[in-house]
Amino acid sequence: MPKLPSRETIKRATIADMKALRIHKPEYNRLVTIYADLVHQYNEALQDFDASGRQYETETAAGGSKKSAIVATLENLRKDILAYSDRLCPNPKALENVTAEKKKSSGLAAALRDLT
């Protein structure tokens, strides 16, 4: 089985993506940590699901079938990841509604820029 990225690796990659999009602030790091933990849990659950032969349904005591617990877990994790992703904005849909802060230049910088 391939080695899964660690929580810290996911967190660093998410912060790097947010910085590249100019939407990161250190105050968001607590949410990024939770997001990274959810993504890590999802990756582990998906790996377990693959290892179990991707069994979607399980038998009930009454003889019927129902969605397996791992599939329900994966679905819930996807929803949670999407919710955090929408808040942190590293996805295209959420980014449409956000404007990145532009660094304000000082009056001196503007004057020097005008001279050139």
PDB file of N, CA and C in Angstrom:
ATOM      1  N   MET A   1       0.832  -1.190   0.000  1.00  0.00           N
ATOM      2  CA  MET A   1       0.000   0.000   0.000  1.00  0.00           C
ATOM      3  C   MET A   1       0.871   1.246   0.000  1.00  0.00           C
ATOM      4  N   PRO A   2       0.462   2.251  -0.753  1.00  0.00           N
ATOM      5  CA  PRO A   2       1.256   3.480  -0.765  1.00  0.00           C
ATOM      6  C   PRO A   2       1.164   4.204   0.573  1.00  0.00           C
ATOM      7  N   LYS A   3       2.229   4.879   0.893  1.00  0.00           N
ATOM      8  CA  LYS A   3       2.267   5.623   2.144  1.00  0.00           C
ATOM      9  C   LYS A   3       1.397   6.875   2.010  1.00  0.00           C
ATOM     10  N   LEU A   4       0.561   7.097   3.018  1.00  0.00           N
ATOM     11  CA  LEU A   4      -0.328   8.256   3.008  1.00  0.00           C
ATOM     12  C   LEU A   4       0.415   9.497   3.481  1.00  0.00           C
ATOM     13  N   PRO A   5       0.046  10.669   2.957  1.00  0.00           N
ATOM     14  CA  PRO A   5       0.669  11.893   3.464  1.00  0.00           C
ATOM     15  C   PRO A   5       0.247  12.122   4.917  1.00  0.00           C
ATOM     16  N   SER A   6       1.153  12.641   5.701  1.00  0.00           N
ATOM     17  CA  SER A   6       0.852  12.895   7.116  1.00  0.00           C
ATOM     18  C   SER A   6      -0.046  14.118   7.253  1.00  0.00           C
ATOM     19  N   ARG A   7      -0.596  14.281   8.443  1.00  0.00           N
ATOM     20  CA  ARG A   7      -1.428  15.456   8.716  1.00  0.00           C
ATOM     21  C   ARG A   7      -0.621  16.732   8.487  1.00  0.00           C
ATOM     22  N   GLU A   8       0.624  16.701   8.947  1.00  0.00           N
ATOM     23  CA  GLU A   8       1.474  17.897   8.825  1.00  0.00           C
ATOM     24  C   GLU A   8       1.772  18.199   7.358  1.00  0.00           C
ATOM     25  N   THR A   9       1.980  17.178   6.550  1.00  0.00           N
ATOM     26  CA  THR A   9       2.223  17.378   5.118  1.00  0.00           C
ATOM     27  C   THR A   9       1.003  17.993   4.450  1.00  0.00           C
ATOM     28  N   ILE A  10      -0.175  17.485   4.798  1.00  0.00           N
ATOM     29  CA  ILE A  10      -1.418  18.027   4.243  1.00  0.00           C
ATOM     30  C   ILE A  10      -1.600  19.471   4.683  1.00  0.00           C
ATOM     31  N   LYS A  11      -1.303  19.748   5.945  1.00  0.00           N
ATOM     32  CA  LYS A  11      -1.436  21.114   6.469  1.00  0.00           C
ATOM     33  C   LYS A  11      -0.489  22.061   5.731  1.00  0.00           C
ATOM     34  N   ARG A  12       0.769  21.667   5.581  1.00  0.00           N
ATOM     35  CA  ARG A  12       1.738  22.528   4.889  1.00  0.00           C
ATOM     36  C   ARG A  12       1.333  22.765   3.445  1.00  0.00           C
ATOM     37  N   ALA A  13       0.847  21.727   2.774  1.00  0.00           N
ATOM     38  CA  ALA A  13       0.428  21.872   1.376  1.00  0.00           C
ATOM     39  C   ALA A  13      -0.788  22.790   1.261  1.00  0.00           C
ATOM     40  N   THR A  14      -1.720  22.670   2.199  1.00  0.00           N
ATOM     41  CA  THR A  14      -2.904  23.529   2.182  1.00  0.00           C
ATOM     42  C   THR A  14      -2.521  24.982   2.409  1.00  0.00           C
ATOM     43  N   ILE A  15      -1.638  25.235   3.364  1.00  0.00           N
ATOM     44  CA  ILE A  15      -1.185  26.602   3.631  1.00  0.00           C
ATOM     45  C   ILE A  15      -0.443  27.149   2.413  1.00  0.00           C
ATOM     46  N   ALA A  16       0.390  26.317   1.790  1.00  0.00           N
ATOM     47  CA  ALA A  16       1.119  26.767   0.595  1.00  0.00           C
ATOM     48  C   ALA A  16       0.149  27.120  -0.528  1.00  0.00           C
ATOM     49  N   ASP A  17      -0.887  26.298  -0.705  1.00  0.00           N
ATOM     50  CA  ASP A  17      -1.898  26.592  -1.732  1.00  0.00           C
ATOM     51  C   ASP A  17      -2.618  27.899  -1.422  1.00  0.00           C
ATOM     52  N   MET A  18      -2.970  28.097  -0.160  1.00  0.00           N
ATOM     53  CA  MET A  18      -3.678  29.316   0.227  1.00  0.00           C
ATOM     54  C   MET A  18      -2.783  30.545   0.044  1.00  0.00           C
ATOM     55  N   LYS A  19      -1.500  30.396   0.356  1.00  0.00           N
ATOM     56  CA  LYS A  19      -0.573  31.520   0.165  1.00  0.00           C
ATOM     57  C   LYS A  19      -0.425  31.847  -1.312  1.00  0.00           C
ATOM     58  N   ALA A  20      -0.377  30.816  -2.148  1.00  0.00           N
ATOM     59  CA  ALA A  20      -0.264  31.044  -3.590  1.00  0.00           C
ATOM     60  C   ALA A  20      -1.492  31.785  -4.120  1.00  0.00           C
ATOM     61  N   LEU A  21      -2.643  31.530  -3.515  1.00  0.00           N
ATOM     62  CA  LEU A  21      -3.876  32.211  -3.903  1.00  0.00           C
ATOM     63  C   LEU A  21      -4.047  33.552  -3.179  1.00  0.00           C
ATOM     64  N   ARG A  22      -3.121  33.871  -2.307  1.00  0.00           N
ATOM     65  CA  ARG A  22      -3.125  35.106  -1.494  1.00  0.00           C
ATOM     66  C   ARG A  22      -4.376  35.212  -0.625  1.00  0.00           C
ATOM     67  N   ILE A  23      -4.759  34.089  -0.015  1.00  0.00           N
ATOM     68  CA  ILE A  23      -5.918  34.094   0.870  1.00  0.00           C
ATOM     69  C   ILE A  23      -5.572  33.571   2.265  1.00  0.00           C
ATOM     70  N   HIS A  24      -4.293  33.336   2.544  1.00  0.00           N
ATOM     71  CA  HIS A  24      -3.900  32.776   3.838  1.00  0.00           C
ATOM     72  C   HIS A  24      -3.619  33.877   4.851  1.00  0.00           C
ATOM     73  N   LYS A  25      -4.065  33.626   6.070  1.00  0.00           N
ATOM     74  CA  LYS A  25      -3.711  34.440   7.226  1.00  0.00           C
ATOM     75  C   LYS A  25      -3.379  33.465   8.351  1.00  0.00           C
ATOM     76  N   PRO A  26      -2.434  33.800   9.207  1.00  0.00           N
ATOM     77  CA  PRO A  26      -2.072  32.883  10.301  1.00  0.00           C
ATOM     78  C   PRO A  26      -3.267  32.532  11.197  1.00  0.00           C
ATOM     79  N   GLU A  27      -4.242  33.411  11.271  1.00  0.00           N
ATOM     80  CA  GLU A  27      -5.419  33.154  12.102  1.00  0.00           C
ATOM     81  C   GLU A  27      -6.217  31.945  11.593  1.00  0.00           C
ATOM     82  N   TYR A  28      -6.030  31.559  10.358  1.00  0.00           N
ATOM     83  CA  TYR A  28      -6.758  30.429   9.773  1.00  0.00           C
ATOM     84  C   TYR A  28      -6.117  29.084  10.100  1.00  0.00           C
ATOM     85  N   ASN A  29      -4.941  29.093  10.691  1.00  0.00           N
ATOM     86  CA  ASN A  29      -4.187  27.850  10.870  1.00  0.00           C
ATOM     87  C   ASN A  29      -4.921  26.814  11.719  1.00  0.00           C
ATOM     88  N   ARG A  30      -5.728  27.256  12.681  1.00  0.00           N
ATOM     89  CA  ARG A  30      -6.485  26.306  13.492  1.00  0.00           C
ATOM     90  C   ARG A  30      -7.477  25.536  12.608  1.00  0.00           C
ATOM     91  N   LEU A  31      -8.149  26.253  11.709  1.00  0.00           N
ATOM     92  CA  LEU A  31      -9.072  25.593  10.782  1.00  0.00           C
ATOM     93  C   LEU A  31      -8.323  24.708   9.790  1.00  0.00           C
ATOM     94  N   VAL A  32      -7.157  25.158   9.375  1.00  0.00           N
ATOM     95  CA  VAL A  32      -6.346  24.356   8.446  1.00  0.00           C
ATOM     96  C   VAL A  32      -5.935  23.049   9.115  1.00  0.00           C
ATOM     97  N   THR A  33      -5.635  23.096  10.405  1.00  0.00           N
ATOM     98  CA  THR A  33      -5.267  21.886  11.143  1.00  0.00           C
ATOM     99  C   THR A  33      -6.426  20.888  11.166  1.00  0.00           C
ATOM    100  N   ILE A  34      -7.626  21.384  11.423  1.00  0.00           N
ATOM    101  CA  ILE A  34      -8.807  20.510  11.433  1.00  0.00           C
ATOM    102  C   ILE A  34      -9.038  19.939  10.033  1.00  0.00           C
ATOM    103  N   TYR A  35      -8.925  20.788   9.022  1.00  0.00           N
ATOM    104  CA  TYR A  35      -9.090  20.362   7.630  1.00  0.00           C
ATOM    105  C   TYR A  35      -8.073  19.265   7.287  1.00  0.00           C
ATOM    106  N   ALA A  36      -6.820  19.471   7.668  1.00  0.00           N
ATOM    107  CA  ALA A  36      -5.772  18.487   7.376  1.00  0.00           C
ATOM    108  C   ALA A  36      -6.072  17.166   8.083  1.00  0.00           C
ATOM    109  N   ASP A  37      -6.588  17.232   9.301  1.00  0.00           N
ATOM    110  CA  ASP A  37      -6.937  16.021  10.034  1.00  0.00           C
ATOM    111  C   ASP A  37      -8.076  15.271   9.324  1.00  0.00           C
ATOM    112  N   LEU A  38      -9.068  16.009   8.847  1.00  0.00           N
ATOM    113  CA  LEU A  38     -10.176  15.382   8.116  1.00  0.00           C
ATOM    114  C   LEU A  38      -9.691  14.708   6.830  1.00  0.00           C
ATOM    115  N   VAL A  39      -8.830  15.394   6.096  1.00  0.00           N
ATOM    116  CA  VAL A  39      -8.302  14.820   4.851  1.00  0.00           C
ATOM    117  C   VAL A  39      -7.478  13.565   5.161  1.00  0.00           C
ATOM    118  N   HIS A  40      -6.703  13.620   6.233  1.00  0.00           N
ATOM    119  CA  HIS A  40      -5.910  12.449   6.627  1.00  0.00           C
ATOM    120  C   HIS A  40      -6.823  11.281   7.002  1.00  0.00           C
ATOM    121  N   GLN A  41      -7.870  11.552   7.784  1.00  0.00           N
ATOM    122  CA  GLN A  41      -8.824  10.506   8.152  1.00  0.00           C
ATOM    123  C   GLN A  41      -9.494   9.929   6.907  1.00  0.00           C
ATOM    124  N   TYR A  42      -9.840  10.786   5.967  1.00  0.00           N
ATOM    125  CA  TYR A  42     -10.461  10.333   4.723  1.00  0.00           C
ATOM    126  C   TYR A  42      -9.514   9.408   3.960  1.00  0.00           C
ATOM    127  N   ASN A  43      -8.254   9.810   3.845  1.00  0.00           N
ATOM    128  CA  ASN A  43      -7.269   8.982   3.135  1.00  0.00           C
ATOM    129  C   ASN A  43      -7.112   7.614   3.798  1.00  0.00           C
ATOM    130  N   GLU A  44      -7.080   7.591   5.151  1.00  0.00           N
ATOM    131  CA  GLU A  44      -6.969   6.318   5.866  1.00  0.00           C
ATOM    132  C   GLU A  44      -8.208   5.452   5.635  1.00  0.00           C
ATOM    133  N   ALA A  45      -9.395   6.061   5.727  1.00  0.00           N
ATOM    134  CA  ALA A  45     -10.636   5.314   5.529  1.00  0.00           C
ATOM    135  C   ALA A  45     -10.718   4.775   4.104  1.00  0.00           C
ATOM    136  N   LEU A  46     -10.304   5.573   3.142  1.00  0.00           N
ATOM    137  CA  LEU A  46     -10.322   5.127   1.752  1.00  0.00           C
ATOM    138  C   LEU A  46      -9.358   3.961   1.535  1.00  0.00           C
ATOM    139  N   GLN A  47      -8.216   4.025   2.185  1.00  0.00           N
ATOM    140  CA  GLN A  47      -7.249   2.936   2.084  1.00  0.00           C
ATOM    141  C   GLN A  47      -7.830   1.656   2.706  1.00  0.00           C
ATOM    142  N   ASP A  48      -8.510   1.791   3.844  1.00  0.00           N
ATOM    143  CA  ASP A  48      -9.157   0.634   4.472  1.00  0.00           C
ATOM    144  C   ASP A  48     -10.262   0.075   3.577  1.00  0.00           C
ATOM    145  N   PHE A  49     -11.015   0.964   2.956  1.00  0.00           N
ATOM    146  CA  PHE A  49     -12.098   0.564   2.055  1.00  0.00           C
ATOM    147  C   PHE A  49     -11.537  -0.221   0.873  1.00  0.00           C
ATOM    148  N   ASP A  50     -10.446   0.261   0.319  1.00  0.00           N
ATOM    149  CA  ASP A  50      -9.796  -0.450  -0.797  1.00  0.00           C
ATOM    150  C   ASP A  50      -9.283  -1.810  -0.345  1.00  0.00           C
ATOM    151  N   ALA A  51      -8.688  -1.847   0.861  1.00  0.00           N
ATOM    152  CA  ALA A  51      -8.125  -3.097   1.369  1.00  0.00           C
ATOM    153  C   ALA A  51      -9.212  -4.132   1.653  1.00  0.00           C
ATOM    154  N   SER A  52     -10.411  -3.672   1.980  1.00  0.00           N
ATOM    155  CA  SER A  52     -11.501  -4.607   2.286  1.00  0.00           C
ATOM    156  C   SER A  52     -12.238  -5.065   1.034  1.00  0.00           C
ATOM    157  N   GLY A  53     -11.754  -4.677  -0.125  1.00  0.00           N
ATOM    158  CA  GLY A  53     -12.387  -5.100  -1.362  1.00  0.00           C
ATOM    159  C   GLY A  53     -13.523  -4.214  -1.803  1.00  0.00           C
ATOM    160  N   ARG A  54     -13.578  -2.999  -1.285  1.00  0.00           N
ATOM    161  CA  ARG A  54     -14.606  -2.020  -1.656  1.00  0.00           C
ATOM    162  C   ARG A  54     -16.015  -2.572  -1.478  1.00  0.00           C
ATOM    163  N   GLN A  55     -16.273  -3.101  -0.315  1.00  0.00           N
ATOM    164  CA  GLN A  55     -17.583  -3.653  -0.014  1.00  0.00           C
ATOM    165  C   GLN A  55     -18.528  -2.506   0.355  1.00  0.00           C
ATOM    166  N   TYR A  56     -19.501  -2.235  -0.523  1.00  0.00           N
ATOM    167  CA  TYR A  56     -20.425  -1.123  -0.351  1.00  0.00           C
ATOM    168  C   TYR A  56     -21.571  -1.434   0.605  1.00  0.00           C
ATOM    169  N   GLU A  57     -21.977  -2.680   0.642  1.00  0.00           N
ATOM    170  CA  GLU A  57     -23.128  -3.055   1.459  1.00  0.00           C
ATOM    171  C   GLU A  57     -22.760  -4.181   2.409  1.00  0.00           C
ATOM    172  N   THR A  58     -23.481  -4.229   3.525  1.00  0.00           N
ATOM    173  CA  THR A  58     -23.335  -5.313   4.475  1.00  0.00           C
ATOM    174  C   THR A  58     -24.713  -5.908   4.730  1.00  0.00           C
ATOM    175  N   GLU A  59     -24.727  -7.127   5.159  1.00  0.00           N
ATOM    176  CA  GLU A  59     -25.981  -7.813   5.458  1.00  0.00           C
ATOM    177  C   GLU A  59     -26.497  -7.377   6.831  1.00  0.00           C
ATOM    178  N   THR A  60     -27.802  -7.242   6.928  1.00  0.00           N
ATOM    179  CA  THR A  60     -28.424  -6.922   8.213  1.00  0.00           C
ATOM    180  C   THR A  60     -28.868  -8.216   8.880  1.00  0.00           C
ATOM    181  N   ALA A  61     -29.227  -8.145  10.146  1.00  0.00           N
ATOM    182  CA  ALA A  61     -29.687  -9.321  10.879  1.00  0.00           C
ATOM    183  C   ALA A  61     -31.001  -9.844  10.301  1.00  0.00           C
ATOM    184  N   ALA A  62     -31.771  -8.935   9.706  1.00  0.00           N
ATOM    185  CA  ALA A  62     -33.063  -9.328   9.141  1.00  0.00           C
ATOM    186  C   ALA A  62     -32.924  -9.943   7.747  1.00  0.00           C
ATOM    187  N   GLY A  63     -31.720 -10.030   7.246  1.00  0.00           N
ATOM    188  CA  GLY A  63     -31.501 -10.645   5.939  1.00  0.00           C
ATOM    189  C   GLY A  63     -31.415  -9.652   4.800  1.00  0.00           C
ATOM    190  N   GLY A  64     -31.597  -8.377   5.074  1.00  0.00           N
ATOM    191  CA  GLY A  64     -31.487  -7.351   4.037  1.00  0.00           C
ATOM    192  C   GLY A  64     -30.058  -6.863   3.914  1.00  0.00           C
ATOM    193  N   SER A  65     -29.909  -5.772   3.248  1.00  0.00           N
ATOM    194  CA  SER A  65     -28.572  -5.177   3.143  1.00  0.00           C
ATOM    195  C   SER A  65     -28.667  -3.688   3.414  1.00  0.00           C
ATOM    196  N   LYS A  66     -27.569  -3.146   3.897  1.00  0.00           N
ATOM    197  CA  LYS A  66     -27.482  -1.712   4.155  1.00  0.00           C
ATOM    198  C   LYS A  66     -26.089  -1.226   3.784  1.00  0.00           C
ATOM    199  N   LYS A  67     -25.965   0.074   3.697  1.00  0.00           N
ATOM    200  CA  LYS A  67     -24.673   0.686   3.361  1.00  0.00           C
ATOM    201  C   LYS A  67     -23.664   0.325   4.449  1.00  0.00           C
ATOM    202  N   SER A  68     -22.468  -0.049   4.048  1.00  0.00           N
ATOM    203  CA  SER A  68     -21.459  -0.405   5.042  1.00  0.00           C
ATOM    204  C   SER A  68     -21.019   0.823   5.821  1.00  0.00           C
ATOM    205  N   ALA A  69     -20.521   0.593   7.012  1.00  0.00           N
ATOM    206  CA  ALA A  69     -20.111   1.681   7.903  1.00  0.00           C
ATOM    207  C   ALA A  69     -18.993   2.514   7.284  1.00  0.00           C
ATOM    208  N   ILE A  70     -18.072   1.871   6.576  1.00  0.00           N
ATOM    209  CA  ILE A  70     -16.946   2.607   5.994  1.00  0.00           C
ATOM    210  C   ILE A  70     -17.425   3.547   4.897  1.00  0.00           C
ATOM    211  N   VAL A  71     -18.444   3.138   4.128  1.00  0.00           N
ATOM    212  CA  VAL A  71     -18.980   4.007   3.076  1.00  0.00           C
ATOM    213  C   VAL A  71     -19.655   5.218   3.708  1.00  0.00           C
ATOM    214  N   ALA A  72     -20.414   4.998   4.782  1.00  0.00           N
ATOM    215  CA  ALA A  72     -21.052   6.117   5.489  1.00  0.00           C
ATOM    216  C   ALA A  72     -20.001   7.061   6.059  1.00  0.00           C
ATOM    217  N   THR A  73     -18.932   6.515   6.594  1.00  0.00           N
ATOM    218  CA  THR A  73     -17.848   7.342   7.132  1.00  0.00           C
ATOM    219  C   THR A  73     -17.209   8.173   6.034  1.00  0.00           C
ATOM    220  N   LEU A  74     -16.939   7.540   4.896  1.00  0.00           N
ATOM    221  CA  LEU A  74     -16.340   8.267   3.764  1.00  0.00           C
ATOM    222  C   LEU A  74     -17.248   9.407   3.304  1.00  0.00           C
ATOM    223  N   GLU A  75     -18.546   9.145   3.217  1.00  0.00           N
ATOM    224  CA  GLU A  75     -19.486  10.181   2.794  1.00  0.00           C
ATOM    225  C   GLU A  75     -19.501  11.352   3.774  1.00  0.00           C
ATOM    226  N   ASN A  76     -19.518  11.057   5.069  1.00  0.00           N
ATOM    227  CA  ASN A  76     -19.515  12.125   6.079  1.00  0.00           C
ATOM    228  C   ASN A  76     -18.220  12.922   6.037  1.00  0.00           C
ATOM    229  N   LEU A  77     -17.108  12.231   5.871  1.00  0.00           N
ATOM    230  CA  LEU A  77     -15.828  12.939   5.789  1.00  0.00           C
ATOM    231  C   LEU A  77     -15.776  13.830   4.550  1.00  0.00           C
ATOM    232  N   ARG A  78     -16.304  13.354   3.439  1.00  0.00           N
ATOM    233  CA  ARG A  78     -16.341  14.188   2.222  1.00  0.00           C
ATOM    234  C   ARG A  78     -17.125  15.469   2.468  1.00  0.00           C
ATOM    235  N   LYS A  79     -18.264  15.349   3.116  1.00  0.00           N
ATOM    236  CA  LYS A  79     -19.092  16.528   3.419  1.00  0.00           C
ATOM    237  C   LYS A  79     -18.350  17.496   4.335  1.00  0.00           C
ATOM    238  N   ASP A  80     -17.694  16.953   5.365  1.00  0.00           N
ATOM    239  CA  ASP A  80     -16.946  17.806   6.289  1.00  0.00           C
ATOM    240  C   ASP A  80     -15.770  18.487   5.591  1.00  0.00           C
ATOM    241  N   ILE A  81     -15.063  17.736   4.756  1.00  0.00           N
ATOM    242  CA  ILE A  81     -13.932  18.306   4.016  1.00  0.00           C
ATOM    243  C   ILE A  81     -14.413  19.424   3.104  1.00  0.00           C
ATOM    244  N   LEU A  82     -15.523  19.198   2.439  1.00  0.00           N
ATOM    245  CA  LEU A  82     -16.070  20.218   1.557  1.00  0.00           C
ATOM    246  C   LEU A  82     -16.460  21.472   2.335  1.00  0.00           C
ATOM    247  N   ALA A  83     -17.055  21.299   3.501  1.00  0.00           N
ATOM    248  CA  ALA A  83     -17.446  22.447   4.318  1.00  0.00           C
ATOM    249  C   ALA A  83     -16.221  23.260   4.739  1.00  0.00           C
ATOM    250  N   TYR A  84     -15.170  22.589   5.195  1.00  0.00           N
ATOM    251  CA  TYR A  84     -13.953  23.309   5.591  1.00  0.00           C
ATOM    252  C   TYR A  84     -13.260  23.920   4.375  1.00  0.00           C
ATOM    253  N   SER A  85     -13.281  23.202   3.273  1.00  0.00           N
ATOM    254  CA  SER A  85     -12.679  23.714   2.047  1.00  0.00           C
ATOM    255  C   SER A  85     -13.388  24.994   1.594  1.00  0.00           C
ATOM    256  N   ASP A  86     -14.708  25.027   1.732  1.00  0.00           N
ATOM    257  CA  ASP A  86     -15.453  26.242   1.377  1.00  0.00           C
ATOM    258  C   ASP A  86     -15.081  27.406   2.289  1.00  0.00           C
ATOM    259  N   ARG A  87     -14.818  27.124   3.546  1.00  0.00           N
ATOM    260  CA  ARG A  87     -14.442  28.194   4.489  1.00  0.00           C
ATOM    261  C   ARG A  87     -13.013  28.685   4.246  1.00  0.00           C
ATOM    262  N   LEU A  88     -12.128  27.758   3.931  1.00  0.00           N
ATOM    263  CA  LEU A  88     -10.718  28.124   3.729  1.00  0.00           C
ATOM    264  C   LEU A  88     -10.444  28.631   2.314  1.00  0.00           C
ATOM    265  N   CYS A  89     -11.316  28.316   1.388  1.00  0.00           N
ATOM    266  CA  CYS A  89     -11.285  28.804  -0.006  1.00  0.00           C
ATOM    267  C   CYS A  89     -10.171  28.289  -0.900  1.00  0.00           C
ATOM    268  N   PRO A  90      -9.583  27.124  -0.656  1.00  0.00           N
ATOM    269  CA  PRO A  90      -8.595  26.665  -1.633  1.00  0.00           C
ATOM    270  C   PRO A  90      -9.224  25.928  -2.808  1.00  0.00           C
ATOM    271  N   ASN A  91     -10.557  25.924  -2.892  1.00  0.00           N
ATOM    272  CA  ASN A  91     -11.206  25.260  -4.024  1.00  0.00           C
ATOM    273  C   ASN A  91     -11.788  26.303  -4.978  1.00  0.00           C
ATOM    274  N   PRO A  92     -11.925  25.974  -6.233  1.00  0.00           N
ATOM    275  CA  PRO A  92     -12.349  26.959  -7.245  1.00  0.00           C
ATOM    276  C   PRO A  92     -13.713  27.594  -6.969  1.00  0.00           C
ATOM    277  N   LYS A  93     -14.681  26.824  -6.521  1.00  0.00           N
ATOM    278  CA  LYS A  93     -16.022  27.355  -6.304  1.00  0.00           C
ATOM    279  C   LYS A  93     -16.028  28.389  -5.182  1.00  0.00           C
ATOM    280  N   ALA A  94     -15.375  28.093  -4.085  1.00  0.00           N
ATOM    281  CA  ALA A  94     -15.333  29.025  -2.961  1.00  0.00           C
ATOM    282  C   ALA A  94     -14.506  30.256  -3.304  1.00  0.00           C
ATOM    283  N   LEU A  95     -13.467  30.063  -4.094  1.00  0.00           N
ATOM    284  CA  LEU A  95     -12.590  31.175  -4.447  1.00  0.00           C
ATOM    285  C   LEU A  95     -13.295  32.211  -5.313  1.00  0.00           C
ATOM    286  N   GLU A  96     -14.334  31.804  -6.041  1.00  0.00           N
ATOM    287  CA  GLU A  96     -15.083  32.753  -6.871  1.00  0.00           C
ATOM    288  C   GLU A  96     -15.694  33.877  -6.041  1.00  0.00           C
ATOM    289  N   ASN A  97     -16.018  33.582  -4.784  1.00  0.00           N
ATOM    290  CA  ASN A  97     -16.696  34.541  -3.925  1.00  0.00           C
ATOM    291  C   ASN A  97     -15.745  35.319  -3.016  1.00  0.00           C
ATOM    292  N   VAL A  98     -14.449  35.153  -3.199  1.00  0.00           N
ATOM    293  CA  VAL A  98     -13.473  35.791  -2.324  1.00  0.00           C
ATOM    294  C   VAL A  98     -12.573  36.695  -3.149  1.00  0.00           C
ATOM    295  N   THR A  99     -12.260  37.833  -2.580  1.00  0.00           N
ATOM    296  CA  THR A  99     -11.270  38.699  -3.217  1.00  0.00           C
ATOM    297  C   THR A  99     -10.027  38.690  -2.342  1.00  0.00           C
ATOM    298  N   ALA A 100      -8.916  38.428  -2.949  1.00  0.00           N
ATOM    299  CA  ALA A 100      -7.658  38.395  -2.210  1.00  0.00           C
ATOM    300  C   ALA A 100      -7.261  39.810  -1.832  1.00  0.00           C
ATOM    301  N   GLU A 101      -6.686  39.924  -0.651  1.00  0.00           N
ATOM    302  CA  GLU A 101      -6.227  41.235  -0.214  1.00  0.00           C
ATOM    303  C   GLU A 101      -4.985  41.624  -0.997  1.00  0.00           C
ATOM    304  N   LYS A 102      -4.984  42.838  -1.452  1.00  0.00           N
ATOM    305  CA  LYS A 102      -3.807  43.343  -2.144  1.00  0.00           C
ATOM    306  C   LYS A 102      -3.011  44.180  -1.155  1.00  0.00           C
ATOM    307  N   LYS A 103      -1.710  44.025  -1.224  1.00  0.00           N
ATOM    308  CA  LYS A 103      -0.858  44.794  -0.331  1.00  0.00           C
ATOM    309  C   LYS A 103      -0.901  46.247  -0.748  1.00  0.00           C
ATOM    310  N   LYS A 104      -1.135  47.090   0.234  1.00  0.00           N
ATOM    311  CA  LYS A 104      -1.194  48.522  -0.038  1.00  0.00           C
ATOM    312  C   LYS A 104       0.227  49.070  -0.103  1.00  0.00           C
ATOM    313  N   SER A 105       0.470  49.857  -1.090  1.00  0.00           N
ATOM    314  CA  SER A 105       1.799  50.453  -1.189  1.00  0.00           C
ATOM    315  C   SER A 105       1.761  51.816  -0.497  1.00  0.00           C
ATOM    316  N   SER A 106       2.881  52.200   0.016  1.00  0.00           N
ATOM    317  CA  SER A 106       2.976  53.481   0.709  1.00  0.00           C
ATOM    318  C   SER A 106       2.995  54.622  -0.313  1.00  0.00           C
ATOM    319  N   GLY A 107       2.792  55.810   0.175  1.00  0.00           N
ATOM    320  CA  GLY A 107       2.840  56.980  -0.685  1.00  0.00           C
ATOM    321  C   GLY A 107       4.196  57.145  -1.325  1.00  0.00           C
ATOM    322  N   LEU A 108       5.245  56.846  -0.561  1.00  0.00           N
ATOM    323  CA  LEU A 108       6.606  56.954  -1.085  1.00  0.00           C
ATOM    324  C   LEU A 108       6.813  55.953  -2.225  1.00  0.00           C
ATOM    325  N   ALA A 109       6.346  54.735  -2.031  1.00  0.00           N
ATOM    326  CA  ALA A 109       6.487  53.727  -3.075  1.00  0.00           C
ATOM    327  C   ALA A 109       5.735  54.143  -4.322  1.00  0.00           C
ATOM    328  N   ALA A 110       4.543  54.714  -4.165  1.00  0.00           N
ATOM    329  CA  ALA A 110       3.776  55.155  -5.316  1.00  0.00           C
ATOM    330  C   ALA A 110       4.488  56.291  -6.044  1.00  0.00           C
ATOM    331  N   ALA A 111       5.077  57.217  -5.287  1.00  0.00           N
ATOM    332  CA  ALA A 111       5.783  58.339  -5.889  1.00  0.00           C
ATOM    333  C   ALA A 111       7.023  57.845  -6.651  1.00  0.00           C
ATOM    334  N   LEU A 112       7.737  56.911  -6.072  1.00  0.00           N
ATOM    335  CA  LEU A 112       8.922  56.364  -6.734  1.00  0.00           C
ATOM    336  C   LEU A 112       8.537  55.589  -7.991  1.00  0.00           C
ATOM    337  N   ARG A 113       7.432  54.893  -7.941  1.00  0.00           N
ATOM    338  CA  ARG A 113       6.953  54.154  -9.099  1.00  0.00           C
ATOM    339  C   ARG A 113       6.574  55.122 -10.231  1.00  0.00           C
ATOM    340  N   ASP A 114       5.989  56.258  -9.881  1.00  0.00           N
ATOM    341  CA  ASP A 114       5.600  57.256 -10.868  1.00  0.00           C
ATOM    342  C   ASP A 114       6.812  57.913 -11.512  1.00  0.00           C
ATOM    343  N   LEU A 115       7.944  57.952 -10.813  1.00  0.00           N
ATOM    344  CA  LEU A 115       9.143  58.592 -11.357  1.00  0.00           C
ATOM    345  C   LEU A 115       9.785  57.738 -12.461  1.00  0.00           C
ATOM    346  N   THR A 116       9.569  56.469 -12.437  1.00  0.00           N
ATOM    347  CA  THR A 116      10.213  55.593 -13.429  1.00  0.00           C
ATOM    348  C   THR A 116       9.381  55.418 -14.667  1.00  0.00           C
TER     349      THR A 116
END
